[in-house]
């Protein structure tokens, strides 16, 4: 969603305030414009992935859903250790580890994980070898964001038909972070962590002559 508007400040001749000014003073107080653009962005479609390949599976496979996972799962949360998104989801050893052979301690070396909800109920696991995960890659939604851009324009009248214009643009004037997508690999030690962000404030000043 994007909304924008421009407001000419009511100063100078023929305006509500300082209407009686003339000459240089009139040039200084008139011709100011303030504009703003308010942007709201929805998050990218995401899912829970399993970056494990075995028996002709794809490396970008998704998890197999075995419980309830609401579409609105996920919320940005700042912690002492960084930024997380799936605060209500927890990693536990995948139940299929119990089926692995104990020979050469293979079952103790597995790093497969499953995901539980806040109550501890398992809701997502790794797909079986040779199978594809049941969870859509677009079931969930990543972090949304908003951004406020503003500009300030001052115009000076020159000779007839000519105008000098100074302009200052501030992109993301509030310096609001726009978080990237979280790590969605249920087997990763960084599952649910957000490690990228944008939205830094950018200010640009320019001048031009209109004729």
N, C-alpha and C. Protein backbone atom coordinates (compact mmCIF):
# COMPACT_ATOMS: atom_id res chain seq x y z
N UNK A 1 0.86 -1.18 0.00
CA UNK A 1 0.00 0.00 0.00
C UNK A 1 0.90 1.23 0.00
N UNK A 2 0.49 2.23 -0.75
CA UNK A 2 1.28 3.46 -0.82
C UNK A 2 0.34 4.66 -0.89
N UNK A 3 0.55 5.62 0.00
CA UNK A 3 -0.20 6.86 0.00
C UNK A 3 0.78 8.03 -0.05
N UNK A 4 0.41 9.09 -0.74
CA UNK A 4 1.30 10.24 -0.83
C UNK A 4 0.50 11.52 -0.90
N UNK A 5 1.18 12.61 -0.57
CA UNK A 5 0.53 13.91 -0.63
C UNK A 5 1.56 15.02 -0.61
N UNK A 6 1.17 16.18 -1.08
CA UNK A 6 2.03 17.36 -1.10
C UNK A 6 1.28 18.54 -0.51
N UNK A 7 1.93 19.30 0.34
CA UNK A 7 1.30 20.44 1.00
C UNK A 7 2.17 21.66 0.77
N UNK A 8 1.57 22.69 0.19
CA UNK A 8 2.27 23.95 0.03
C UNK A 8 2.09 24.76 1.30
N UNK A 9 3.20 25.11 1.92
CA UNK A 9 3.13 25.83 3.19
C UNK A 9 2.51 27.22 2.98
N UNK A 10 1.59 27.63 3.86
CA UNK A 10 0.81 28.86 3.64
C UNK A 10 1.54 30.13 4.08
N UNK A 11 2.71 30.38 3.51
CA UNK A 11 3.48 31.57 3.87
C UNK A 11 3.75 32.40 2.63
N UNK A 12 3.77 33.71 2.80
CA UNK A 12 4.12 34.62 1.72
C UNK A 12 2.93 35.30 1.10
N UNK A 13 3.18 36.14 0.10
CA UNK A 13 2.10 36.86 -0.58
C UNK A 13 1.01 35.92 -1.08
N UNK A 14 -0.24 36.37 -0.94
CA UNK A 14 -1.42 35.61 -1.37
C UNK A 14 -1.64 34.35 -0.53
N UNK A 15 -1.01 34.26 0.63
CA UNK A 15 -1.20 33.12 1.51
C UNK A 15 -1.67 33.61 2.88
N UNK A 16 -2.01 32.66 3.76
CA UNK A 16 -2.60 33.00 5.05
C UNK A 16 -1.63 33.72 5.96
N UNK A 17 -0.38 33.31 5.95
CA UNK A 17 0.60 33.88 6.87
C UNK A 17 1.65 34.69 6.10
N UNK A 18 2.07 35.80 6.70
CA UNK A 18 3.08 36.69 6.12
C UNK A 18 2.69 37.16 4.72
N UNK A 19 1.42 37.41 4.55
CA UNK A 19 0.92 37.81 3.23
C UNK A 19 1.37 39.21 2.83
N UNK A 20 1.80 40.01 3.83
CA UNK A 20 2.18 41.38 3.51
C UNK A 20 3.65 41.55 3.21
N UNK A 21 4.39 40.48 3.08
CA UNK A 21 5.82 40.59 2.81
C UNK A 21 6.08 40.95 1.36
N UNK A 22 7.25 41.56 1.13
CA UNK A 22 7.63 41.97 -0.22
C UNK A 22 9.12 41.72 -0.43
N UNK A 23 9.51 41.79 -1.67
CA UNK A 23 10.92 41.73 -2.02
C UNK A 23 11.62 40.47 -1.56
N UNK A 24 12.82 40.64 -1.00
CA UNK A 24 13.65 39.50 -0.60
C UNK A 24 12.98 38.66 0.46
N UNK A 25 12.34 39.30 1.43
CA UNK A 25 11.67 38.54 2.49
C UNK A 25 10.56 37.67 1.92
N UNK A 26 9.82 38.20 0.95
CA UNK A 26 8.77 37.41 0.32
C UNK A 26 9.35 36.19 -0.40
N UNK A 27 10.50 36.39 -1.05
CA UNK A 27 11.15 35.28 -1.74
C UNK A 27 11.56 34.19 -0.76
N UNK A 28 11.97 34.59 0.45
CA UNK A 28 12.43 33.61 1.43
C UNK A 28 11.29 32.82 2.06
N UNK A 29 10.14 33.43 2.26
CA UNK A 29 9.07 32.75 3.00
C UNK A 29 8.07 32.06 2.09
N UNK A 30 8.03 32.40 0.82
CA UNK A 30 7.06 31.79 -0.08
C UNK A 30 7.69 30.59 -0.81
N UNK A 31 6.84 29.79 -1.44
CA UNK A 31 7.32 28.73 -2.32
C UNK A 31 7.87 27.49 -1.62
N UNK A 32 7.43 27.23 -0.40
CA UNK A 32 7.85 26.02 0.30
C UNK A 32 6.80 24.93 0.12
N UNK A 33 7.26 23.72 -0.19
CA UNK A 33 6.36 22.57 -0.33
C UNK A 33 6.89 21.40 0.49
N UNK A 34 5.99 20.74 1.18
CA UNK A 34 6.34 19.55 1.96
C UNK A 34 5.56 18.37 1.41
N UNK A 35 6.27 17.29 1.08
CA UNK A 35 5.63 16.11 0.54
C UNK A 35 5.97 14.88 1.36
N UNK A 36 5.13 13.87 1.28
CA UNK A 36 5.37 12.64 2.03
C UNK A 36 4.80 11.45 1.26
N UNK A 37 5.48 10.33 1.38
CA UNK A 37 5.00 9.06 0.82
C UNK A 37 5.05 8.03 1.94
N UNK A 38 3.92 7.44 2.27
CA UNK A 38 3.84 6.41 3.31
C UNK A 38 3.68 5.06 2.63
N UNK A 39 4.65 4.18 2.84
CA UNK A 39 4.67 2.87 2.20
C UNK A 39 4.47 1.77 3.24
N UNK A 40 3.59 0.83 2.94
CA UNK A 40 3.42 -0.37 3.76
C UNK A 40 3.62 -1.58 2.86
N UNK A 41 4.57 -2.44 3.24
CA UNK A 41 4.90 -3.61 2.42
C UNK A 41 4.49 -4.88 3.15
N UNK A 42 3.85 -5.79 2.45
CA UNK A 42 3.57 -7.10 3.02
C UNK A 42 4.81 -7.97 2.90
N UNK A 43 4.89 -9.00 3.71
CA UNK A 43 6.06 -9.88 3.70
C UNK A 43 6.06 -10.82 2.50
N UNK A 44 7.24 -11.36 2.20
CA UNK A 44 7.36 -12.34 1.12
C UNK A 44 6.72 -13.66 1.53
N UNK A 45 6.18 -14.41 0.58
CA UNK A 45 5.69 -15.76 0.90
C UNK A 45 6.85 -16.68 1.23
N UNK A 46 6.75 -17.41 2.32
CA UNK A 46 7.80 -18.33 2.74
C UNK A 46 7.17 -19.63 3.23
N UNK A 47 7.98 -20.64 3.46
CA UNK A 47 7.54 -21.90 4.03
C UNK A 47 8.60 -22.40 4.99
N UNK A 48 8.45 -23.62 5.48
CA UNK A 48 9.49 -24.25 6.29
C UNK A 48 10.24 -25.23 5.39
N UNK A 49 11.54 -25.04 5.26
CA UNK A 49 12.33 -25.84 4.33
C UNK A 49 13.13 -26.90 5.06
N UNK A 50 13.63 -27.87 4.28
CA UNK A 50 14.52 -28.91 4.81
C UNK A 50 15.64 -29.09 3.81
N UNK A 51 16.79 -28.51 4.10
CA UNK A 51 17.91 -28.57 3.16
C UNK A 51 18.67 -29.89 3.29
N UNK A 52 17.92 -30.99 3.16
CA UNK A 52 18.50 -32.33 3.23
C UNK A 52 18.09 -33.07 1.98
N UNK A 53 19.02 -33.71 1.30
CA UNK A 53 18.69 -34.48 0.10
C UNK A 53 19.10 -35.94 0.29
N UNK A 54 18.18 -36.81 0.03
CA UNK A 54 18.46 -38.25 0.09
C UNK A 54 17.47 -38.98 -0.80
N UNK A 55 17.93 -40.01 -1.47
CA UNK A 55 17.07 -40.82 -2.33
C UNK A 55 16.31 -39.95 -3.33
N UNK A 56 17.10 -39.12 -4.06
CA UNK A 56 16.56 -38.31 -5.15
C UNK A 56 15.62 -37.20 -4.69
N UNK A 57 15.74 -36.76 -3.45
CA UNK A 57 14.98 -35.60 -3.02
C UNK A 57 15.69 -34.33 -3.50
N UNK A 58 14.96 -33.23 -3.52
CA UNK A 58 15.54 -31.94 -3.88
C UNK A 58 16.14 -31.27 -2.65
N UNK A 59 17.25 -30.54 -2.86
CA UNK A 59 17.90 -29.86 -1.76
C UNK A 59 17.04 -28.74 -1.19
N UNK A 60 16.06 -28.24 -1.98
CA UNK A 60 15.17 -27.17 -1.50
C UNK A 60 13.81 -27.73 -1.11
N UNK A 61 13.81 -28.94 -0.58
CA UNK A 61 12.57 -29.59 -0.16
C UNK A 61 11.92 -28.82 1.00
N UNK A 62 10.65 -29.06 1.21
CA UNK A 62 9.94 -28.43 2.32
C UNK A 62 9.64 -29.47 3.39
N UNK A 63 9.23 -29.00 4.55
CA UNK A 63 8.92 -29.89 5.66
C UNK A 63 7.59 -30.61 5.42
N UNK A 64 7.41 -31.71 6.14
CA UNK A 64 6.13 -32.42 6.13
C UNK A 64 5.33 -31.97 7.34
N UNK A 65 4.15 -31.50 7.10
CA UNK A 65 3.31 -30.96 8.17
C UNK A 65 2.55 -32.11 8.84
N UNK A 66 2.68 -32.20 10.16
CA UNK A 66 1.98 -33.25 10.91
C UNK A 66 1.10 -32.64 12.01
N UNK A 67 1.01 -31.33 12.04
CA UNK A 67 0.18 -30.65 13.02
C UNK A 67 -0.33 -29.34 12.47
N UNK A 68 -0.90 -28.53 13.33
CA UNK A 68 -1.49 -27.26 12.90
C UNK A 68 -0.42 -26.16 12.86
N UNK A 69 -0.36 -25.47 11.71
CA UNK A 69 0.56 -24.35 11.53
C UNK A 69 -0.24 -23.19 10.91
N UNK A 70 -0.76 -22.27 11.74
CA UNK A 70 -1.55 -21.16 11.21
C UNK A 70 -0.76 -20.31 10.22
N UNK A 71 -1.45 -19.75 9.24
CA UNK A 71 -0.79 -18.95 8.21
C UNK A 71 -0.16 -17.68 8.79
N UNK A 72 -0.67 -17.21 9.91
CA UNK A 72 -0.13 -15.98 10.49
C UNK A 72 1.01 -16.25 11.47
N UNK A 73 1.54 -17.47 11.46
CA UNK A 73 2.68 -17.79 12.33
C UNK A 73 3.88 -16.94 11.95
N UNK A 74 4.50 -16.33 12.92
CA UNK A 74 5.70 -15.53 12.67
C UNK A 74 5.52 -14.09 13.08
N UNK A 75 6.47 -13.60 13.86
CA UNK A 75 6.46 -12.21 14.30
C UNK A 75 7.88 -11.80 14.65
N UNK A 76 8.28 -10.63 14.20
CA UNK A 76 9.63 -10.15 14.50
C UNK A 76 9.76 -9.88 15.99
N UNK A 77 10.83 -10.43 16.58
CA UNK A 77 11.08 -10.22 18.00
C UNK A 77 12.57 -9.99 18.20
N UNK A 78 12.91 -8.88 18.83
CA UNK A 78 14.31 -8.58 19.14
C UNK A 78 14.68 -9.24 20.46
N UNK A 79 15.80 -9.93 20.49
CA UNK A 79 16.29 -10.57 21.70
C UNK A 79 17.73 -10.14 21.94
N UNK A 80 18.30 -10.56 23.06
CA UNK A 80 19.69 -10.24 23.36
C UNK A 80 20.64 -10.91 22.38
N UNK A 81 20.18 -11.97 21.73
CA UNK A 81 21.03 -12.72 20.80
C UNK A 81 20.71 -12.42 19.33
N UNK A 82 19.93 -11.38 19.08
CA UNK A 82 19.59 -11.05 17.70
C UNK A 82 18.10 -10.94 17.49
N UNK A 83 17.69 -11.09 16.24
CA UNK A 83 16.28 -10.95 15.88
C UNK A 83 15.74 -12.30 15.44
N UNK A 84 14.63 -12.70 16.00
CA UNK A 84 14.00 -13.97 15.63
C UNK A 84 12.61 -13.71 15.06
N UNK A 85 12.08 -14.73 14.38
CA UNK A 85 10.76 -14.58 13.75
C UNK A 85 9.77 -15.64 14.23
N UNK A 86 10.25 -16.86 14.42
CA UNK A 86 9.35 -17.93 14.85
C UNK A 86 9.54 -18.19 16.34
N UNK A 87 9.24 -17.21 17.15
CA UNK A 87 9.49 -17.32 18.58
C UNK A 87 8.67 -18.43 19.23
N UNK A 88 7.51 -18.75 18.68
CA UNK A 88 6.64 -19.76 19.28
C UNK A 88 6.98 -21.18 18.81
N UNK A 89 7.87 -21.29 17.85
CA UNK A 89 8.26 -22.61 17.35
C UNK A 89 9.60 -23.02 17.93
N UNK A 90 9.73 -24.28 18.27
CA UNK A 90 10.96 -24.79 18.87
C UNK A 90 11.47 -26.00 18.08
N UNK A 91 12.80 -26.18 18.11
CA UNK A 91 13.43 -27.33 17.47
C UNK A 91 13.63 -28.46 18.48
N UNK A 92 13.33 -29.67 18.03
CA UNK A 92 13.59 -30.88 18.81
C UNK A 92 14.15 -31.93 17.87
N UNK A 93 14.78 -32.99 18.37
CA UNK A 93 15.26 -34.05 17.48
C UNK A 93 14.11 -34.65 16.67
N UNK A 94 14.35 -34.90 15.40
CA UNK A 94 13.32 -35.49 14.54
C UNK A 94 12.99 -36.90 15.02
N UNK A 95 11.71 -37.26 15.14
CA UNK A 95 11.34 -38.59 15.61
C UNK A 95 11.91 -39.73 14.77
N UNK A 96 12.23 -39.48 13.49
CA UNK A 96 12.74 -40.55 12.64
C UNK A 96 14.15 -40.99 13.05
N UNK A 97 14.82 -40.21 13.90
CA UNK A 97 16.15 -40.62 14.36
C UNK A 97 16.07 -41.96 15.09
N UNK A 98 14.93 -42.23 15.72
CA UNK A 98 14.77 -43.49 16.45
C UNK A 98 14.84 -44.70 15.54
N UNK A 99 14.59 -44.51 14.24
CA UNK A 99 14.62 -45.62 13.29
C UNK A 99 16.00 -45.85 12.70
N UNK A 100 16.96 -44.95 12.98
CA UNK A 100 18.30 -45.11 12.42
C UNK A 100 19.08 -46.20 13.14
N UNK A 101 19.96 -46.83 12.41
CA UNK A 101 20.76 -47.90 13.00
C UNK A 101 21.75 -47.35 14.02
N UNK A 102 21.98 -48.11 15.09
CA UNK A 102 22.98 -47.69 16.07
C UNK A 102 24.40 -48.06 15.65
N UNK A 103 24.54 -48.78 14.52
CA UNK A 103 25.86 -49.16 14.06
C UNK A 103 26.70 -47.91 13.79
N UNK A 104 27.92 -47.94 14.27
CA UNK A 104 28.84 -46.81 14.15
C UNK A 104 28.23 -45.52 14.72
N UNK A 105 27.30 -45.73 15.64
CA UNK A 105 26.65 -44.60 16.34
C UNK A 105 25.96 -43.63 15.38
N UNK A 106 25.44 -44.18 14.27
CA UNK A 106 24.79 -43.32 13.28
C UNK A 106 23.61 -42.58 13.87
N UNK A 107 22.85 -43.24 14.72
CA UNK A 107 21.66 -42.58 15.27
C UNK A 107 22.02 -41.42 16.20
N UNK A 108 23.19 -41.44 16.78
CA UNK A 108 23.59 -40.34 17.67
C UNK A 108 24.23 -39.19 16.91
N UNK A 109 24.56 -39.43 15.63
CA UNK A 109 25.23 -38.39 14.83
C UNK A 109 24.26 -37.60 13.96
N UNK A 110 23.01 -38.01 13.96
CA UNK A 110 22.02 -37.32 13.12
C UNK A 110 21.74 -35.91 13.65
N UNK A 111 21.63 -34.98 12.72
CA UNK A 111 21.31 -33.59 13.08
C UNK A 111 19.90 -33.21 12.64
N UNK A 112 19.10 -34.20 12.25
CA UNK A 112 17.74 -33.90 11.81
C UNK A 112 16.91 -33.32 12.96
N UNK A 113 16.13 -32.30 12.63
CA UNK A 113 15.30 -31.65 13.63
C UNK A 113 13.83 -31.69 13.22
N UNK A 114 12.98 -31.59 14.19
CA UNK A 114 11.54 -31.40 13.97
C UNK A 114 11.15 -30.10 14.66
N UNK A 115 9.95 -29.61 14.35
CA UNK A 115 9.47 -28.35 14.91
C UNK A 115 8.22 -28.60 15.75
N UNK A 116 8.21 -28.00 16.93
CA UNK A 116 7.03 -28.09 17.79
C UNK A 116 6.38 -26.72 17.94
N UNK A 117 5.12 -26.74 18.32
CA UNK A 117 4.45 -25.48 18.63
C UNK A 117 4.76 -25.08 20.07
N UNK A 118 4.14 -24.03 20.55
CA UNK A 118 4.45 -23.51 21.89
C UNK A 118 4.09 -24.49 23.01
N UNK A 119 3.21 -25.43 22.72
CA UNK A 119 2.82 -26.42 23.73
C UNK A 119 3.71 -27.66 23.70
N UNK A 120 4.65 -27.72 22.75
CA UNK A 120 5.54 -28.87 22.65
C UNK A 120 5.06 -29.96 21.70
N UNK A 121 3.96 -29.74 21.01
CA UNK A 121 3.45 -30.73 20.07
C UNK A 121 4.19 -30.61 18.74
N UNK A 122 4.67 -31.75 18.22
CA UNK A 122 5.40 -31.74 16.95
C UNK A 122 4.43 -31.41 15.81
N UNK A 123 4.82 -30.41 15.00
CA UNK A 123 3.94 -30.00 13.90
C UNK A 123 4.60 -30.12 12.53
N UNK A 124 5.94 -30.23 12.48
CA UNK A 124 6.63 -30.33 11.19
C UNK A 124 7.87 -31.19 11.35
N UNK A 125 8.07 -32.11 10.38
CA UNK A 125 9.21 -33.02 10.41
C UNK A 125 9.85 -33.06 9.03
N UNK A 126 11.00 -33.71 8.95
CA UNK A 126 11.64 -33.92 7.65
C UNK A 126 10.87 -34.97 6.85
N UNK A 127 10.72 -34.78 5.54
CA UNK A 127 10.06 -35.79 4.72
C UNK A 127 10.88 -37.08 4.68
N UNK A 128 10.21 -38.18 4.54
CA UNK A 128 10.89 -39.47 4.44
C UNK A 128 11.76 -39.51 3.18
N UNK A 129 12.82 -40.32 3.17
CA UNK A 129 13.66 -40.44 1.97
C UNK A 129 12.83 -40.78 0.74
N UNK A 130 13.05 -40.03 -0.33
CA UNK A 130 12.33 -40.26 -1.57
C UNK A 130 11.00 -39.55 -1.65
N UNK A 131 10.60 -38.84 -0.59
CA UNK A 131 9.30 -38.16 -0.56
C UNK A 131 9.52 -36.65 -0.55
N UNK A 132 8.50 -35.93 -0.99
CA UNK A 132 8.52 -34.47 -0.95
C UNK A 132 7.69 -33.99 0.23
N UNK A 133 8.11 -32.88 0.81
CA UNK A 133 7.38 -32.33 1.94
C UNK A 133 5.99 -31.87 1.54
N UNK A 134 5.07 -31.87 2.49
CA UNK A 134 3.68 -31.51 2.21
C UNK A 134 3.39 -30.03 2.40
N UNK A 135 4.32 -29.29 3.02
CA UNK A 135 4.05 -27.89 3.30
C UNK A 135 4.41 -27.02 2.10
N UNK A 136 3.49 -26.17 1.69
CA UNK A 136 3.73 -25.28 0.56
C UNK A 136 4.86 -24.31 0.88
N UNK A 137 5.64 -23.97 -0.13
CA UNK A 137 6.72 -23.00 0.03
C UNK A 137 6.20 -21.58 0.23
N UNK A 138 4.90 -21.38 0.05
CA UNK A 138 4.32 -20.05 0.20
C UNK A 138 3.23 -20.01 1.28
N UNK A 139 3.23 -20.99 2.19
CA UNK A 139 2.16 -21.07 3.18
C UNK A 139 2.23 -19.93 4.20
N UNK A 140 3.44 -19.55 4.57
CA UNK A 140 3.62 -18.50 5.57
C UNK A 140 4.01 -17.19 4.91
N UNK A 141 4.16 -16.16 5.70
CA UNK A 141 4.52 -14.84 5.19
C UNK A 141 5.65 -14.26 6.03
N UNK A 142 6.67 -13.75 5.33
CA UNK A 142 7.80 -13.14 6.02
C UNK A 142 7.46 -11.80 6.62
N UNK A 143 8.44 -11.14 7.23
CA UNK A 143 8.19 -9.87 7.91
C UNK A 143 7.72 -8.78 6.94
N UNK A 144 6.71 -8.05 7.33
CA UNK A 144 6.28 -6.87 6.58
C UNK A 144 7.12 -5.67 7.01
N UNK A 145 6.85 -4.53 6.41
CA UNK A 145 7.62 -3.33 6.73
C UNK A 145 6.84 -2.09 6.35
N UNK A 146 7.25 -0.96 6.92
CA UNK A 146 6.70 0.32 6.49
C UNK A 146 7.86 1.30 6.32
N UNK A 147 7.64 2.28 5.49
CA UNK A 147 8.68 3.28 5.23
C UNK A 147 8.01 4.63 4.97
N UNK A 148 8.53 5.67 5.61
CA UNK A 148 8.03 7.02 5.40
C UNK A 148 9.11 7.83 4.70
N UNK A 149 8.78 8.32 3.49
CA UNK A 149 9.68 9.18 2.72
C UNK A 149 9.12 10.59 2.73
N UNK A 150 9.97 11.58 2.91
CA UNK A 150 9.51 12.97 2.89
C UNK A 150 10.43 13.79 2.00
N UNK A 151 9.89 14.89 1.51
CA UNK A 151 10.72 15.83 0.75
C UNK A 151 10.30 17.26 1.08
N UNK A 152 11.26 18.15 0.98
CA UNK A 152 11.04 19.57 1.22
C UNK A 152 11.58 20.34 0.02
N UNK A 153 10.73 21.15 -0.58
CA UNK A 153 11.09 21.88 -1.80
C UNK A 153 10.95 23.38 -1.55
N UNK A 154 11.95 24.13 -1.97
CA UNK A 154 11.89 25.60 -1.91
C UNK A 154 12.16 26.15 -3.29
N UNK A 155 11.22 26.96 -3.77
CA UNK A 155 11.32 27.55 -5.10
C UNK A 155 11.54 29.05 -5.01
N UNK A 156 12.45 29.55 -5.85
CA UNK A 156 12.71 30.98 -5.96
C UNK A 156 12.37 31.43 -7.38
N UNK A 157 11.59 32.48 -7.48
CA UNK A 157 11.26 33.02 -8.80
C UNK A 157 12.45 33.84 -9.31
N UNK A 158 12.86 33.56 -10.54
CA UNK A 158 13.90 34.33 -11.20
C UNK A 158 13.24 35.26 -12.20
N UNK A 159 13.83 35.44 -13.32
CA UNK A 159 13.17 36.23 -14.34
C UNK A 159 11.93 35.50 -14.85
N UNK A 160 11.10 36.18 -15.59
CA UNK A 160 9.83 35.63 -16.05
C UNK A 160 10.03 34.29 -16.74
N UNK A 161 9.29 33.30 -16.26
CA UNK A 161 9.36 31.97 -16.87
C UNK A 161 10.48 31.10 -16.35
N UNK A 162 11.25 31.59 -15.37
CA UNK A 162 12.35 30.81 -14.83
C UNK A 162 12.21 30.71 -13.31
N UNK A 163 12.65 29.55 -12.80
CA UNK A 163 12.50 29.29 -11.37
C UNK A 163 13.69 28.46 -10.89
N UNK A 164 14.25 28.83 -9.75
CA UNK A 164 15.31 28.07 -9.11
C UNK A 164 14.68 27.25 -7.99
N UNK A 165 14.98 25.95 -8.00
CA UNK A 165 14.34 25.06 -7.04
C UNK A 165 15.39 24.25 -6.28
N UNK A 166 15.32 24.32 -4.95
CA UNK A 166 16.15 23.48 -4.08
C UNK A 166 15.26 22.38 -3.50
N UNK A 167 15.83 21.18 -3.38
CA UNK A 167 15.02 20.05 -2.93
C UNK A 167 15.84 19.14 -2.02
N UNK A 168 15.22 18.72 -0.90
CA UNK A 168 15.82 17.75 0.00
C UNK A 168 14.88 16.55 0.12
N UNK A 169 15.39 15.37 -0.17
CA UNK A 169 14.59 14.14 -0.09
C UNK A 169 15.17 13.26 1.01
N UNK A 170 14.32 12.76 1.88
CA UNK A 170 14.74 11.84 2.94
C UNK A 170 13.98 10.53 2.74
N UNK A 171 14.71 9.50 2.32
CA UNK A 171 14.13 8.17 2.14
C UNK A 171 14.22 7.43 3.47
N UNK A 172 13.11 6.86 3.93
CA UNK A 172 13.04 6.20 5.24
C UNK A 172 13.47 7.16 6.34
N UNK A 173 12.76 8.28 6.41
CA UNK A 173 13.15 9.34 7.34
C UNK A 173 13.14 8.87 8.79
N UNK A 174 12.31 7.89 9.13
CA UNK A 174 12.25 7.38 10.49
C UNK A 174 13.31 6.32 10.77
N UNK A 175 14.09 5.98 9.74
CA UNK A 175 15.16 4.98 9.87
C UNK A 175 14.60 3.65 10.39
N UNK A 176 13.39 3.30 9.94
CA UNK A 176 12.74 2.07 10.39
C UNK A 176 13.36 0.86 9.71
N UNK A 177 13.75 -0.17 10.45
CA UNK A 177 14.36 -1.35 9.82
C UNK A 177 13.35 -2.12 8.98
N UNK A 178 13.81 -2.62 7.86
CA UNK A 178 13.02 -3.49 7.00
C UNK A 178 13.71 -4.85 7.01
N UNK A 179 13.20 -5.76 7.82
CA UNK A 179 13.86 -7.02 8.07
C UNK A 179 13.73 -7.98 6.89
N UNK A 180 14.81 -8.71 6.64
CA UNK A 180 14.78 -9.73 5.61
C UNK A 180 14.05 -10.97 6.10
N UNK A 181 13.95 -11.97 5.24
CA UNK A 181 13.26 -13.21 5.60
C UNK A 181 14.08 -14.01 6.61
N UNK A 182 13.42 -14.75 7.48
CA UNK A 182 14.15 -15.56 8.46
C UNK A 182 14.71 -16.84 7.81
N UNK A 183 15.61 -17.47 8.51
CA UNK A 183 16.09 -18.80 8.11
C UNK A 183 14.96 -19.78 8.34
N UNK A 184 14.53 -20.48 7.29
CA UNK A 184 13.37 -21.38 7.40
C UNK A 184 13.75 -22.85 7.40
N UNK A 185 15.05 -23.17 7.38
CA UNK A 185 15.50 -24.56 7.37
C UNK A 185 15.33 -25.15 8.77
N UNK A 186 14.44 -26.11 8.92
CA UNK A 186 14.14 -26.63 10.26
C UNK A 186 15.32 -27.38 10.87
N UNK A 187 16.32 -27.74 10.05
CA UNK A 187 17.49 -28.46 10.56
C UNK A 187 18.66 -27.53 10.88
N UNK A 188 18.51 -26.25 10.58
CA UNK A 188 19.60 -25.31 10.78
C UNK A 188 19.68 -24.83 12.22
N UNK A 189 20.90 -24.61 12.69
CA UNK A 189 21.07 -24.05 14.04
C UNK A 189 20.61 -22.59 14.09
N UNK A 190 20.42 -21.99 12.93
CA UNK A 190 19.94 -20.60 12.85
C UNK A 190 18.46 -20.53 12.49
N UNK A 191 17.74 -21.62 12.65
CA UNK A 191 16.32 -21.62 12.29
C UNK A 191 15.58 -20.47 12.97
N UNK A 192 14.82 -19.73 12.17
CA UNK A 192 14.00 -18.64 12.69
C UNK A 192 14.73 -17.34 12.89
N UNK A 193 16.04 -17.33 12.73
CA UNK A 193 16.80 -16.10 12.95
C UNK A 193 16.77 -15.21 11.70
N UNK A 194 16.69 -13.90 11.92
CA UNK A 194 16.77 -12.91 10.84
C UNK A 194 18.15 -12.27 10.91
N UNK A 195 18.89 -12.36 9.84
CA UNK A 195 20.27 -11.86 9.84
C UNK A 195 20.49 -10.72 8.85
N UNK A 196 19.44 -10.30 8.16
CA UNK A 196 19.58 -9.21 7.19
C UNK A 196 18.48 -8.17 7.44
N UNK A 197 18.81 -6.93 7.13
CA UNK A 197 17.83 -5.85 7.27
C UNK A 197 18.27 -4.68 6.41
N UNK A 198 17.30 -3.94 5.94
CA UNK A 198 17.57 -2.72 5.17
C UNK A 198 16.80 -1.57 5.80
N UNK A 199 16.56 -0.55 5.00
CA UNK A 199 15.74 0.57 5.48
C UNK A 199 16.51 1.71 6.09
N UNK A 200 17.83 1.75 5.89
CA UNK A 200 18.60 2.86 6.46
C UNK A 200 18.19 4.19 5.83
N UNK A 201 18.21 5.24 6.63
CA UNK A 201 17.82 6.57 6.15
C UNK A 201 18.80 7.06 5.08
N UNK A 202 18.25 7.63 4.02
CA UNK A 202 19.06 8.20 2.95
C UNK A 202 18.56 9.60 2.64
N UNK A 203 19.45 10.58 2.69
CA UNK A 203 19.09 11.98 2.44
C UNK A 203 19.82 12.46 1.20
N UNK A 204 19.07 13.06 0.27
CA UNK A 204 19.66 13.60 -0.95
C UNK A 204 19.22 15.05 -1.12
N UNK A 205 20.17 15.91 -1.48
CA UNK A 205 19.90 17.34 -1.69
C UNK A 205 20.24 17.69 -3.13
N UNK A 206 19.35 18.41 -3.79
CA UNK A 206 19.56 18.73 -5.19
C UNK A 206 19.05 20.13 -5.50
N UNK A 207 19.45 20.64 -6.65
CA UNK A 207 18.98 21.96 -7.10
C UNK A 207 18.83 21.91 -8.61
N UNK A 208 17.88 22.69 -9.14
CA UNK A 208 17.68 22.74 -10.57
C UNK A 208 17.01 24.05 -10.95
N UNK A 209 17.11 24.38 -12.20
CA UNK A 209 16.45 25.56 -12.73
C UNK A 209 15.36 25.11 -13.72
N UNK A 210 14.16 25.56 -13.48
CA UNK A 210 13.04 25.25 -14.36
C UNK A 210 12.81 26.44 -15.31
N UNK A 211 12.68 26.15 -16.56
CA UNK A 211 12.39 27.23 -17.53
C UNK A 211 11.58 26.67 -18.69
